[in-house]
Amino acid sequence: MGIFTKKNIIGAVAVLIVIIVAWLFFFNLDPVDPAASAHVVASPTVFQVSPGDGFRTVAENLYTAHLIRSPISFDLFLLADGHAFTVKPGLYRLSPSMDAAQIVAAISGGGAGEATVVIPEGSNIFDIDRILSNALVIRSGEFMNATGSQGLEGRLFPDTYQFYTNDSATNVMKEMTDNFNAKAEPLLAADPANATRTLIIASIVQEEVPDQSDQEIVAGIIIKRLADKMALDIDATVCYAKFLATPVSAGQACSLAALDFKIDSPYNTYLNKGLPPGPIGNPGTSAITAALHPQSSPYFYYLSDPATGKTIFAKTLDEQNQNRVKYLESN
């Protein structure tokens, strides 16, 4: 017989299969996208390990999130590495550019920690949800779901907070409303019968103008237009109506098209006279103070100069239209 006996052939095939399996195993431990690091930094994947998730469930979820190449290879790696039963619940910022060893190190280290979170004045629940989820305090959408049904828009005080990562939306909500009760309620106590109305006006003023002296003038304009039964025609309320209609765009910079001004919503102050039914964001103390102490003026209209941020006031609609041409359409 030749040197290639049946036994030798079977042995060679077996060795070849072992080599292929080993190659596949190690290949599947490589990053899903080695070149992803450049763009994932700006938009990482927030991955959640829930309490009770076994290592097989975690592997399947990682695979579904396109963070690993193979759940089977990842399972075997976890077992071989001794971390199959050390994966800890939490939120993790992971990237397709990470290999299996890096992912295992992350999810075995635990997701708990502290996060300093800045909630800017005027932030609405959509903005706050995005800020909190980016800081790994909660998972995206949790804050909107927790607060939206409770009508807390306007009562989530903007401030700098120390939260725990992997916290609950309920805990965050309580801390922000407690802060509101401590810092904003004493101001609203000056006119408790109109507290909600004050908050609505303050939320609009906060979105429209940054300077407190201008805020007081704008608050006066809003109140004067309401008294004269004029539509408020405020772009910020249309933005809020747009976010409510299309939550996918919420938390992003608002850009309005002609069709947006026709959105059928009680928050659209171009289609509906009077104030919207609730605040469109969460104002700071300066805007609340401005709403409580509006300044009388000869003005009925205003706009913001996009080049300087300065508020430009007008007494008549003709003057407002001239300002639009000068400051908006010429830019």
C-alpha atoms as a PDB file:
ATOM      1  CA  MET A   1       0.000   0.000   0.000  1.00  0.00           C
ATOM      2  CA  GLY A   2       1.043   3.598  -0.494  1.00  0.00           C
ATOM      3  CA  ILE A   3       2.065   5.905   2.310  1.00  0.00           C
ATOM      4  CA  PHE A   4      -1.470   7.422   2.387  1.00  0.00           C
ATOM      5  CA  THR A   5      -3.254   4.668   4.221  1.00  0.00           C
ATOM      6  CA  LYS A   6      -6.893   5.011   5.197  1.00  0.00           C
ATOM      7  CA  LYS A   7      -5.775   5.549   8.785  1.00  0.00           C
ATOM      8  CA  ASN A   8      -3.369   8.307   7.790  1.00  0.00           C
ATOM      9  CA  ILE A   9      -6.009  10.020   5.699  1.00  0.00           C
ATOM     10  CA  ILE A  10      -8.503   9.953   8.560  1.00  0.00           C
ATOM     11  CA  GLY A  11      -5.852  11.327  10.892  1.00  0.00           C
ATOM     12  CA  ALA A  12      -4.954  14.131   8.503  1.00  0.00           C
ATOM     13  CA  VAL A  13      -8.587  15.046   8.033  1.00  0.00           C
ATOM     14  CA  ALA A  14      -9.064  15.066  11.811  1.00  0.00           C
ATOM     15  CA  VAL A  15      -6.066  17.365  12.251  1.00  0.00           C
ATOM     16  CA  LEU A  16      -7.362  19.627   9.492  1.00  0.00           C
ATOM     17  CA  ILE A  17     -10.780  19.790  11.154  1.00  0.00           C
ATOM     18  CA  VAL A  18      -9.173  20.663  14.500  1.00  0.00           C
ATOM     19  CA  ILE A  19      -7.137  23.409  12.829  1.00  0.00           C
ATOM     20  CA  ILE A  20     -10.238  24.826  11.082  1.00  0.00           C
ATOM     21  CA  VAL A  21     -12.317  24.694  14.278  1.00  0.00           C
ATOM     22  CA  ALA A  22      -9.535  26.359  16.246  1.00  0.00           C
ATOM     23  CA  TRP A  23      -9.153  29.034  13.591  1.00  0.00           C
ATOM     24  CA  LEU A  24     -12.893  29.672  13.574  1.00  0.00           C
ATOM     25  CA  PHE A  25     -12.939  29.830  17.366  1.00  0.00           C
ATOM     26  CA  PHE A  26     -10.214  32.456  17.578  1.00  0.00           C
ATOM     27  CA  PHE A  27     -11.554  34.308  14.530  1.00  0.00           C
ATOM     28  CA  ASN A  28     -14.916  34.602  16.253  1.00  0.00           C
ATOM     29  CA  LEU A  29     -13.228  36.214  19.264  1.00  0.00           C
ATOM     30  CA  ASP A  30     -11.929  39.079  17.115  1.00  0.00           C
ATOM     31  CA  PRO A  31     -13.798  42.416  16.967  1.00  0.00           C
ATOM     32  CA  VAL A  32     -16.908  42.491  14.804  1.00  0.00           C
ATOM     33  CA  ASP A  33     -15.642  45.715  13.262  1.00  0.00           C
ATOM     34  CA  PRO A  34     -11.975  46.467  14.000  1.00  0.00           C
ATOM     35  CA  ALA A  35     -12.238  49.836  12.242  1.00  0.00           C
ATOM     36  CA  ALA A  36     -15.280  50.929  14.260  1.00  0.00           C
ATOM     37  CA  SER A  37     -13.427  52.726  17.031  1.00  0.00           C
ATOM     38  CA  ALA A  38     -13.266  55.986  15.089  1.00  0.00           C
ATOM     39  CA  HIS A  39     -17.033  56.384  14.829  1.00  0.00           C
ATOM     40  CA  VAL A  40     -18.293  54.422  17.837  1.00  0.00           C
ATOM     41  CA  VAL A  41     -16.825  56.917  20.301  1.00  0.00           C
ATOM     42  CA  ALA A  42     -19.486  59.427  19.307  1.00  0.00           C
ATOM     43  CA  SER A  43     -22.288  56.850  19.311  1.00  0.00           C
ATOM     44  CA  PRO A  44     -21.400  53.833  21.481  1.00  0.00           C
ATOM     45  CA  THR A  45     -23.651  50.867  22.095  1.00  0.00           C
ATOM     46  CA  VAL A  46     -25.104  50.885  25.595  1.00  0.00           C
ATOM     47  CA  PHE A  47     -25.475  47.215  26.486  1.00  0.00           C
ATOM     48  CA  GLN A  48     -27.531  45.990  29.431  1.00  0.00           C
ATOM     49  CA  VAL A  49     -26.960  42.874  31.497  1.00  0.00           C
ATOM     50  CA  SER A  50     -30.134  42.350  33.495  1.00  0.00           C
ATOM     51  CA  PRO A  51     -30.254  40.638  36.899  1.00  0.00           C
ATOM     52  CA  GLY A  52     -30.674  36.899  36.372  1.00  0.00           C
ATOM     53  CA  ASP A  53     -29.147  36.848  32.876  1.00  0.00           C
ATOM     54  CA  GLY A  54     -26.995  33.743  32.461  1.00  0.00           C
ATOM     55  CA  PHE A  55     -23.829  33.769  30.372  1.00  0.00           C
ATOM     56  CA  ARG A  56     -25.624  32.132  27.444  1.00  0.00           C
ATOM     57  CA  THR A  57     -28.323  34.838  27.467  1.00  0.00           C
ATOM     58  CA  VAL A  58     -25.638  37.517  27.642  1.00  0.00           C
ATOM     59  CA  ALA A  59     -23.831  35.988  24.672  1.00  0.00           C
ATOM     60  CA  GLU A  60     -27.033  35.833  22.607  1.00  0.00           C
ATOM     61  CA  ASN A  61     -27.831  39.464  23.455  1.00  0.00           C
ATOM     62  CA  LEU A  62     -24.301  40.564  22.549  1.00  0.00           C
ATOM     63  CA  TYR A  63     -24.647  38.778  19.232  1.00  0.00           C
ATOM     64  CA  THR A  64     -28.038  40.396  18.566  1.00  0.00           C
ATOM     65  CA  ALA A  65     -26.472  43.796  19.315  1.00  0.00           C
ATOM     66  CA  HIS A  66     -23.719  43.036  16.740  1.00  0.00           C
ATOM     67  CA  LEU A  67     -21.002  43.197  19.392  1.00  0.00           C
ATOM     68  CA  ILE A  68     -19.630  39.661  18.984  1.00  0.00           C
ATOM     69  CA  ARG A  69     -19.232  37.328  16.018  1.00  0.00           C
ATOM     70  CA  SER A  70     -20.527  34.107  17.577  1.00  0.00           C
ATOM     71  CA  PRO A  71     -22.445  33.386  20.788  1.00  0.00           C
ATOM     72  CA  ILE A  72     -21.094  29.815  20.871  1.00  0.00           C
ATOM     73  CA  SER A  73     -17.460  30.906  20.665  1.00  0.00           C
ATOM     74  CA  PHE A  74     -18.123  33.594  23.272  1.00  0.00           C
ATOM     75  CA  ASP A  75     -19.718  31.025  25.611  1.00  0.00           C
ATOM     76  CA  LEU A  76     -16.710  28.744  25.255  1.00  0.00           C
ATOM     77  CA  PHE A  77     -14.346  31.652  25.852  1.00  0.00           C
ATOM     78  CA  LEU A  78     -16.224  32.661  29.018  1.00  0.00           C
ATOM     79  CA  LEU A  79     -16.006  29.105  30.330  1.00  0.00           C
ATOM     80  CA  ALA A  80     -12.342  28.709  29.435  1.00  0.00           C
ATOM     81  CA  ASP A  81     -11.499  32.120  30.893  1.00  0.00           C
ATOM     82  CA  GLY A  82     -13.327  31.397  34.132  1.00  0.00           C
ATOM     83  CA  HIS A  83     -15.730  34.349  33.810  1.00  0.00           C
ATOM     84  CA  ALA A  84     -18.898  32.484  32.845  1.00  0.00           C
ATOM     85  CA  PHE A  85     -20.377  33.073  36.278  1.00  0.00           C
ATOM     86  CA  THR A  86     -18.812  36.442  37.098  1.00  0.00           C
ATOM     87  CA  VAL A  87     -20.768  38.566  34.603  1.00  0.00           C
ATOM     88  CA  LYS A  88     -22.434  41.372  36.577  1.00  0.00           C
ATOM     89  CA  PRO A  89     -25.722  43.177  35.899  1.00  0.00           C
ATOM     90  CA  GLY A  90     -25.405  46.749  34.726  1.00  0.00           C
ATOM     91  CA  LEU A  91     -25.167  49.105  31.783  1.00  0.00           C
ATOM     92  CA  TYR A  92     -21.980  48.991  29.754  1.00  0.00           C
ATOM     93  CA  ARG A  93     -20.610  51.168  26.971  1.00  0.00           C
ATOM     94  CA  LEU A  94     -19.363  48.652  24.404  1.00  0.00           C
ATOM     95  CA  SER A  95     -18.073  48.919  20.869  1.00  0.00           C
ATOM     96  CA  PRO A  96     -17.867  46.571  17.857  1.00  0.00           C
ATOM     97  CA  SER A  97     -14.152  47.415  17.847  1.00  0.00           C
ATOM     98  CA  MET A  98     -13.697  45.499  21.128  1.00  0.00           C
ATOM     99  CA  ASP A  99     -12.576  41.876  21.036  1.00  0.00           C
ATOM    100  CA  ALA A 100     -14.070  39.154  23.229  1.00  0.00           C
ATOM    101  CA  ALA A 101     -11.456  39.564  25.977  1.00  0.00           C
ATOM    102  CA  GLN A 102     -12.169  43.306  26.259  1.00  0.00           C
ATOM    103  CA  ILE A 103     -15.921  42.743  26.397  1.00  0.00           C
ATOM    104  CA  VAL A 104     -15.542  40.047  29.056  1.00  0.00           C
ATOM    105  CA  ALA A 105     -13.340  42.353  31.132  1.00  0.00           C
ATOM    106  CA  ALA A 106     -15.972  45.092  30.893  1.00  0.00           C
ATOM    107  CA  ILE A 107     -19.029  43.049  31.794  1.00  0.00           C
ATOM    108  CA  SER A 108     -17.220  41.197  34.569  1.00  0.00           C
ATOM    109  CA  GLY A 109     -16.086  44.425  36.221  1.00  0.00           C
ATOM    110  CA  GLY A 110     -19.580  45.591  37.113  1.00  0.00           C
ATOM    111  CA  GLY A 111     -21.434  48.578  35.756  1.00  0.00           C
ATOM    112  CA  ALA A 112     -21.920  50.433  39.010  1.00  0.00           C
ATOM    113  CA  GLY A 113     -20.230  53.766  39.616  1.00  0.00           C
ATOM    114  CA  GLU A 114     -20.904  57.457  39.983  1.00  0.00           C
ATOM    115  CA  ALA A 115     -21.673  59.923  37.219  1.00  0.00           C
ATOM    116  CA  THR A 116     -21.719  63.706  37.345  1.00  0.00           C
ATOM    117  CA  VAL A 117     -24.631  64.785  35.166  1.00  0.00           C
ATOM    118  CA  VAL A 118     -25.377  68.351  34.089  1.00  0.00           C
ATOM    119  CA  ILE A 119     -28.991  69.047  33.146  1.00  0.00           C
ATOM    120  CA  PRO A 120     -29.038  72.447  31.372  1.00  0.00           C
ATOM    121  CA  GLU A 121     -31.831  74.932  31.991  1.00  0.00           C
ATOM    122  CA  GLY A 122     -34.665  74.419  29.547  1.00  0.00           C
ATOM    123  CA  SER A 123     -34.004  70.703  29.049  1.00  0.00           C
ATOM    124  CA  ASN A 124     -37.176  68.730  28.396  1.00  0.00           C
ATOM    125  CA  ILE A 125     -37.785  65.094  29.318  1.00  0.00           C
ATOM    126  CA  PHE A 126     -36.430  63.970  25.947  1.00  0.00           C
ATOM    127  CA  ASP A 127     -33.185  65.889  26.480  1.00  0.00           C
ATOM    128  CA  ILE A 128     -32.854  64.584  30.032  1.00  0.00           C
ATOM    129  CA  ASP A 129     -33.411  60.998  28.915  1.00  0.00           C
ATOM    130  CA  ARG A 130     -30.626  61.349  26.341  1.00  0.00           C
ATOM    131  CA  ILE A 131     -28.225  62.959  28.839  1.00  0.00           C
ATOM    132  CA  LEU A 132     -28.881  60.276  31.460  1.00  0.00           C
ATOM    133  CA  SER A 133     -28.568  57.365  29.039  1.00  0.00           C
ATOM    134  CA  ASN A 134     -25.333  58.751  27.594  1.00  0.00           C
ATOM    135  CA  ALA A 135     -23.973  58.897  31.146  1.00  0.00           C
ATOM    136  CA  LEU A 136     -25.079  55.250  31.690  1.00  0.00           C
ATOM    137  CA  VAL A 137     -27.335  56.301  34.554  1.00  0.00           C
ATOM    138  CA  ILE A 138     -30.379  54.707  32.914  1.00  0.00           C
ATOM    139  CA  ARG A 139     -31.182  52.951  29.690  1.00  0.00           C
ATOM    140  CA  SER A 140     -32.443  55.037  26.779  1.00  0.00           C
ATOM    141  CA  GLY A 141     -36.196  55.619  26.949  1.00  0.00           C
ATOM    142  CA  GLU A 142     -36.595  54.707  30.623  1.00  0.00           C
ATOM    143  CA  PHE A 143     -36.774  58.274  31.897  1.00  0.00           C
ATOM    144  CA  MET A 144     -39.277  59.347  29.235  1.00  0.00           C
ATOM    145  CA  ASN A 145     -41.481  56.364  30.071  1.00  0.00           C
ATOM    146  CA  ALA A 146     -41.275  56.991  33.821  1.00  0.00           C
ATOM    147  CA  THR A 147     -41.948  60.735  33.750  1.00  0.00           C
ATOM    148  CA  GLY A 148     -44.148  61.195  30.710  1.00  0.00           C
ATOM    149  CA  SER A 149     -47.200  59.566  32.279  1.00  0.00           C
ATOM    150  CA  GLN A 150     -46.812  61.554  35.496  1.00  0.00           C
ATOM    151  CA  GLY A 151     -46.874  65.017  33.986  1.00  0.00           C
ATOM    152  CA  LEU A 152     -43.536  66.041  35.505  1.00  0.00           C
ATOM    153  CA  GLU A 153     -42.354  68.199  32.622  1.00  0.00           C
ATOM    154  CA  GLY A 154     -41.441  71.557  34.163  1.00  0.00           C
ATOM    155  CA  ARG A 155     -40.851  70.081  37.622  1.00  0.00           C
ATOM    156  CA  LEU A 156     -37.528  68.358  36.953  1.00  0.00           C
ATOM    157  CA  PHE A 157     -35.113  70.973  38.182  1.00  0.00           C
ATOM    158  CA  PRO A 158     -32.114  71.660  35.905  1.00  0.00           C
ATOM    159  CA  ASP A 159     -28.898  71.391  37.897  1.00  0.00           C
ATOM    160  CA  THR A 160     -25.671  69.416  38.337  1.00  0.00           C
ATOM    161  CA  TYR A 161     -26.318  66.013  39.895  1.00  0.00           C
ATOM    162  CA  GLN A 162     -24.332  63.080  41.222  1.00  0.00           C
ATOM    163  CA  PHE A 163     -26.103  59.902  40.167  1.00  0.00           C
ATOM    164  CA  TYR A 164     -25.134  56.252  40.283  1.00  0.00           C
ATOM    165  CA  THR A 165     -24.739  54.459  36.991  1.00  0.00           C
ATOM    166  CA  ASN A 166     -27.303  51.707  36.522  1.00  0.00           C
ATOM    167  CA  ASP A 167     -29.705  53.687  38.684  1.00  0.00           C
ATOM    168  CA  SER A 168     -33.480  53.566  38.293  1.00  0.00           C
ATOM    169  CA  ALA A 169     -35.480  56.249  36.520  1.00  0.00           C
ATOM    170  CA  THR A 170     -37.646  56.458  39.641  1.00  0.00           C
ATOM    171  CA  ASN A 171     -34.672  57.391  41.847  1.00  0.00           C
ATOM    172  CA  VAL A 172     -33.463  59.998  39.374  1.00  0.00           C
ATOM    173  CA  MET A 173     -36.947  61.431  39.028  1.00  0.00           C
ATOM    174  CA  LYS A 174     -37.302  61.729  42.820  1.00  0.00           C
ATOM    175  CA  GLU A 175     -33.994  63.534  43.216  1.00  0.00           C
ATOM    176  CA  MET A 176     -34.845  66.025  40.485  1.00  0.00           C
ATOM    177  CA  THR A 177     -38.345  66.716  41.794  1.00  0.00           C
ATOM    178  CA  ASP A 178     -37.032  67.046  45.354  1.00  0.00           C
ATOM    179  CA  ASN A 179     -34.580  69.636  44.049  1.00  0.00           C
ATOM    180  CA  PHE A 180     -37.439  71.424  42.296  1.00  0.00           C
ATOM    181  CA  ASN A 181     -39.414  71.489  45.534  1.00  0.00           C
ATOM    182  CA  ALA A 182     -36.435  72.985  47.363  1.00  0.00           C
ATOM    183  CA  LYS A 183     -35.430  75.627  44.787  1.00  0.00           C
ATOM    184  CA  ALA A 184     -38.440  76.431  42.588  1.00  0.00           C
ATOM    185  CA  GLU A 185     -41.452  75.884  44.814  1.00  0.00           C
ATOM    186  CA  PRO A 186     -40.504  78.764  47.153  1.00  0.00           C
ATOM    187  CA  LEU A 187     -40.604  81.087  44.116  1.00  0.00           C
ATOM    188  CA  LEU A 188     -43.921  79.722  42.870  1.00  0.00           C
ATOM    189  CA  ALA A 189     -45.356  80.157  46.353  1.00  0.00           C
ATOM    190  CA  ALA A 190     -45.573  83.872  45.578  1.00  0.00           C
ATOM    191  CA  ASP A 191     -48.571  83.070  43.338  1.00  0.00           C
ATOM    192  CA  PRO A 192     -49.630  79.492  44.126  1.00  0.00           C
ATOM    193  CA  ALA A 193     -52.979  79.741  42.343  1.00  0.00           C
ATOM    194  CA  ASN A 194     -51.160  80.321  39.039  1.00  0.00           C
ATOM    195  CA  ALA A 195     -48.162  78.029  39.621  1.00  0.00           C
ATOM    196  CA  THR A 196     -48.803  75.866  36.550  1.00  0.00           C
ATOM    197  CA  ARG A 197     -49.403  78.912  34.331  1.00  0.00           C
ATOM    198  CA  THR A 198     -46.179  80.457  35.633  1.00  0.00           C
ATOM    199  CA  LEU A 199     -44.245  77.267  34.869  1.00  0.00           C
ATOM    200  CA  ILE A 200     -45.616  77.088  31.330  1.00  0.00           C
ATOM    201  CA  ILE A 201     -44.652  80.700  30.627  1.00  0.00           C
ATOM    202  CA  ALA A 202     -41.248  80.196  32.295  1.00  0.00           C
ATOM    203  CA  SER A 203     -40.558  77.102  30.169  1.00  0.00           C
ATOM    204  CA  ILE A 204     -41.311  79.066  26.987  1.00  0.00           C
ATOM    205  CA  VAL A 205     -39.238  82.038  28.099  1.00  0.00           C
ATOM    206  CA  GLN A 206     -36.344  79.726  28.996  1.00  0.00           C
ATOM    207  CA  GLU A 207     -36.315  78.261  25.503  1.00  0.00           C
ATOM    208  CA  GLU A 208     -36.734  81.560  23.724  1.00  0.00           C
ATOM    209  CA  VAL A 209     -34.185  83.873  25.404  1.00  0.00           C
ATOM    210  CA  PRO A 210     -31.125  83.316  27.637  1.00  0.00           C
ATOM    211  CA  ASP A 211     -30.731  86.756  29.262  1.00  0.00           C
ATOM    212  CA  GLN A 212     -32.879  87.396  32.341  1.00  0.00           C
ATOM    213  CA  SER A 213     -33.628  91.034  31.502  1.00  0.00           C
ATOM    214  CA  ASP A 214     -34.836  89.917  28.067  1.00  0.00           C
ATOM    215  CA  GLN A 215     -36.724  87.045  29.683  1.00  0.00           C
ATOM    216  CA  GLU A 216     -38.763  89.530  31.714  1.00  0.00           C
ATOM    217  CA  ILE A 217     -39.639  91.503  28.560  1.00  0.00           C
ATOM    218  CA  VAL A 218     -40.612  88.323  26.679  1.00  0.00           C
ATOM    219  CA  ALA A 219     -42.734  87.184  29.636  1.00  0.00           C
ATOM    220  CA  GLY A 220     -44.497  90.538  29.410  1.00  0.00           C
ATOM    221  CA  ILE A 221     -45.037  90.104  25.662  1.00  0.00           C
ATOM    222  CA  ILE A 222     -46.532  86.628  26.190  1.00  0.00           C
ATOM    223  CA  ILE A 223     -48.940  87.887  28.833  1.00  0.00           C
ATOM    224  CA  LYS A 224     -49.902  90.881  26.671  1.00  0.00           C
ATOM    225  CA  ARG A 225     -50.573  88.677  23.633  1.00  0.00           C
ATOM    226  CA  LEU A 226     -52.673  86.332  25.774  1.00  0.00           C
ATOM    227  CA  ALA A 227     -54.708  89.279  27.067  1.00  0.00           C
ATOM    228  CA  ASP A 228     -55.282  90.496  23.502  1.00  0.00           C
ATOM    229  CA  LYS A 229     -56.391  86.995  22.364  1.00  0.00           C
ATOM    230  CA  MET A 230     -53.477  86.819  19.920  1.00  0.00           C
ATOM    231  CA  ALA A 231     -51.838  83.552  18.927  1.00  0.00           C
ATOM    232  CA  LEU A 232     -48.435  83.260  20.587  1.00  0.00           C
ATOM    233  CA  ASP A 233     -46.757  81.922  17.399  1.00  0.00           C
ATOM    234  CA  ILE A 234     -43.781  80.550  19.338  1.00  0.00           C
ATOM    235  CA  ASP A 235     -41.401  78.218  17.510  1.00  0.00           C
ATOM    236  CA  ALA A 236     -40.251  76.452  20.685  1.00  0.00           C
ATOM    237  CA  THR A 237     -43.772  75.127  21.275  1.00  0.00           C
ATOM    238  CA  VAL A 238     -43.840  73.719  17.744  1.00  0.00           C
ATOM    239  CA  CYS A 239     -40.536  71.962  18.427  1.00  0.00           C
ATOM    240  CA  TYR A 240     -42.065  70.346  21.482  1.00  0.00           C
ATOM    241  CA  ALA A 241     -45.129  69.304  19.492  1.00  0.00           C
ATOM    242  CA  LYS A 242     -42.784  67.773  16.918  1.00  0.00           C
ATOM    243  CA  PHE A 243     -40.911  65.810  19.588  1.00  0.00           C
ATOM    244  CA  LEU A 244     -44.197  64.478  20.951  1.00  0.00           C
ATOM    245  CA  ALA A 245     -45.307  63.459  17.466  1.00  0.00           C
ATOM    246  CA  THR A 246     -41.965  61.889  16.491  1.00  0.00           C
ATOM    247  CA  PRO A 247     -40.091  60.784  19.642  1.00  0.00           C
ATOM    248  CA  VAL A 248     -37.239  59.477  17.469  1.00  0.00           C
ATOM    249  CA  SER A 249     -36.229  63.101  16.846  1.00  0.00           C
ATOM    250  CA  ALA A 250     -36.504  64.072  20.509  1.00  0.00           C
ATOM    251  CA  GLY A 251     -33.372  65.198  22.264  1.00  0.00           C
ATOM    252  CA  GLN A 252     -31.891  66.494  19.010  1.00  0.00           C
ATOM    253  CA  ALA A 253     -31.507  70.091  17.895  1.00  0.00           C
ATOM    254  CA  CYS A 254     -34.858  71.301  16.613  1.00  0.00           C
ATOM    255  CA  SER A 255     -35.081  72.198  12.948  1.00  0.00           C
ATOM    256  CA  LEU A 256     -38.510  73.269  11.738  1.00  0.00           C
ATOM    257  CA  ALA A 257     -39.867  72.881   8.216  1.00  0.00           C
ATOM    258  CA  ALA A 258     -43.017  74.490   6.836  1.00  0.00           C
ATOM    259  CA  LEU A 259     -45.081  71.343   7.456  1.00  0.00           C
ATOM    260  CA  ASP A 260     -44.088  71.297  11.144  1.00  0.00           C
ATOM    261  CA  PHE A 261     -46.118  74.448  11.762  1.00  0.00           C
ATOM    262  CA  LYS A 262     -49.212  72.474  10.744  1.00  0.00           C
ATOM    263  CA  ILE A 263     -48.716  69.702  13.339  1.00  0.00           C
ATOM    264  CA  ASP A 264     -52.082  69.065  14.965  1.00  0.00           C
ATOM    265  CA  SER A 265     -51.145  69.442  18.625  1.00  0.00           C
ATOM    266  CA  PRO A 266     -52.357  71.579  21.538  1.00  0.00           C
ATOM    267  CA  TYR A 267     -48.693  72.563  21.919  1.00  0.00           C
ATOM    268  CA  ASN A 268     -48.679  74.208  18.480  1.00  0.00           C
ATOM    269  CA  THR A 269     -49.206  77.877  19.350  1.00  0.00           C
ATOM    270  CA  TYR A 270     -49.442  78.790  15.678  1.00  0.00           C
ATOM    271  CA  LEU A 271     -52.655  76.785  15.341  1.00  0.00           C
ATOM    272  CA  ASN A 272     -54.024  77.302  18.843  1.00  0.00           C
ATOM    273  CA  LYS A 273     -54.496  80.485  20.793  1.00  0.00           C
ATOM    274  CA  GLY A 274     -53.535  80.601  24.434  1.00  0.00           C
ATOM    275  CA  LEU A 275     -50.834  78.734  26.319  1.00  0.00           C
ATOM    276  CA  PRO A 276     -49.965  75.106  25.603  1.00  0.00           C
ATOM    277  CA  PRO A 277     -51.435  72.604  28.085  1.00  0.00           C
ATOM    278  CA  GLY A 278     -48.175  72.153  29.964  1.00  0.00           C
ATOM    279  CA  PRO A 279     -44.542  73.245  30.188  1.00  0.00           C
ATOM    280  CA  ILE A 280     -42.325  72.537  27.174  1.00  0.00           C
ATOM    281  CA  GLY A 281     -39.195  72.095  29.271  1.00  0.00           C
ATOM    282  CA  ASN A 282     -37.754  72.579  32.715  1.00  0.00           C
ATOM    283  CA  PRO A 283     -36.906  76.210  33.481  1.00  0.00           C
ATOM    284  CA  GLY A 284     -34.339  77.529  35.913  1.00  0.00           C
ATOM    285  CA  THR A 285     -34.949  80.078  38.625  1.00  0.00           C
ATOM    286  CA  SER A 286     -34.246  83.103  36.392  1.00  0.00           C
ATOM    287  CA  ALA A 287     -36.977  82.161  33.925  1.00  0.00           C
ATOM    288  CA  ILE A 288     -39.414  81.399  36.737  1.00  0.00           C
ATOM    289  CA  THR A 289     -38.614  84.768  38.293  1.00  0.00           C
ATOM    290  CA  ALA A 290     -39.162  86.459  34.918  1.00  0.00           C
ATOM    291  CA  ALA A 291     -42.549  84.762  34.551  1.00  0.00           C
ATOM    292  CA  LEU A 292     -43.502  85.976  38.016  1.00  0.00           C
ATOM    293  CA  HIS A 293     -42.270  89.510  37.327  1.00  0.00           C
ATOM    294  CA  PRO A 294     -42.990  90.252  33.642  1.00  0.00           C
ATOM    295  CA  GLN A 295     -41.824  93.628  32.375  1.00  0.00           C
ATOM    296  CA  SER A 296     -44.166  95.942  30.543  1.00  0.00           C
ATOM    297  CA  SER A 297     -42.904  97.183  27.179  1.00  0.00           C
ATOM    298  CA  PRO A 298     -44.224  98.635  23.918  1.00  0.00           C
ATOM    299  CA  TYR A 299     -43.240  95.416  22.118  1.00  0.00           C
ATOM    300  CA  PHE A 300     -45.482  92.658  20.741  1.00  0.00           C
ATOM    301  CA  TYR A 301     -42.879  90.670  18.795  1.00  0.00           C
ATOM    302  CA  TYR A 302     -39.320  89.416  19.093  1.00  0.00           C
ATOM    303  CA  LEU A 303     -36.776  87.135  17.442  1.00  0.00           C
ATOM    304  CA  SER A 304     -33.245  85.959  18.154  1.00  0.00           C
ATOM    305  CA  ASP A 305     -30.336  87.058  16.026  1.00  0.00           C
ATOM    306  CA  PRO A 306     -28.648  83.743  15.115  1.00  0.00           C
ATOM    307  CA  ALA A 307     -25.280  85.495  14.744  1.00  0.00           C
ATOM    308  CA  THR A 308     -25.174  87.014  18.228  1.00  0.00           C
ATOM    309  CA  GLY A 309     -27.981  85.355  20.175  1.00  0.00           C
ATOM    310  CA  LYS A 310     -29.314  88.808  20.980  1.00  0.00           C
ATOM    311  CA  THR A 311     -33.075  89.244  21.251  1.00  0.00           C
ATOM    312  CA  ILE A 312     -34.464  91.741  18.736  1.00  0.00           C
ATOM    313  CA  PHE A 313     -37.787  93.308  19.719  1.00  0.00           C
ATOM    314  CA  ALA A 314     -40.467  94.880  17.517  1.00  0.00           C
ATOM    315  CA  LYS A 315     -43.556  96.961  18.202  1.00  0.00           C
ATOM    316  CA  THR A 316     -45.482  96.111  15.047  1.00  0.00           C
ATOM    317  CA  LEU A 317     -45.811  93.176  12.666  1.00  0.00           C
ATOM    318  CA  ASP A 318     -44.265  95.262   9.874  1.00  0.00           C
ATOM    319  CA  GLU A 319     -41.237  95.941  12.043  1.00  0.00           C
ATOM    320  CA  GLN A 320     -41.049  92.231  12.941  1.00  0.00           C
ATOM    321  CA  ASN A 321     -41.100  91.273   9.257  1.00  0.00           C
ATOM    322  CA  GLN A 322     -38.310  93.755   8.554  1.00  0.00           C
ATOM    323  CA  ASN A 323     -36.282  92.192  11.358  1.00  0.00           C
ATOM    324  CA  ARG A 324     -36.895  88.747   9.901  1.00  0.00           C
ATOM    325  CA  VAL A 325     -35.426  89.858   6.576  1.00  0.00           C
ATOM    326  CA  LYS A 326     -32.503  91.599   8.254  1.00  0.00           C
ATOM    327  CA  TYR A 327     -31.552  88.979  10.826  1.00  0.00           C
ATOM    328  CA  LEU A 328     -32.906  85.654   9.579  1.00  0.00           C
ATOM    329  CA  GLU A 329     -33.323  85.612   5.822  1.00  0.00           C
ATOM    330  CA  SER A 330     -30.050  87.441   5.142  1.00  0.00           C
ATOM    331  CA  ASN A 331     -28.026  84.793   7.051  1.00  0.00           C
END
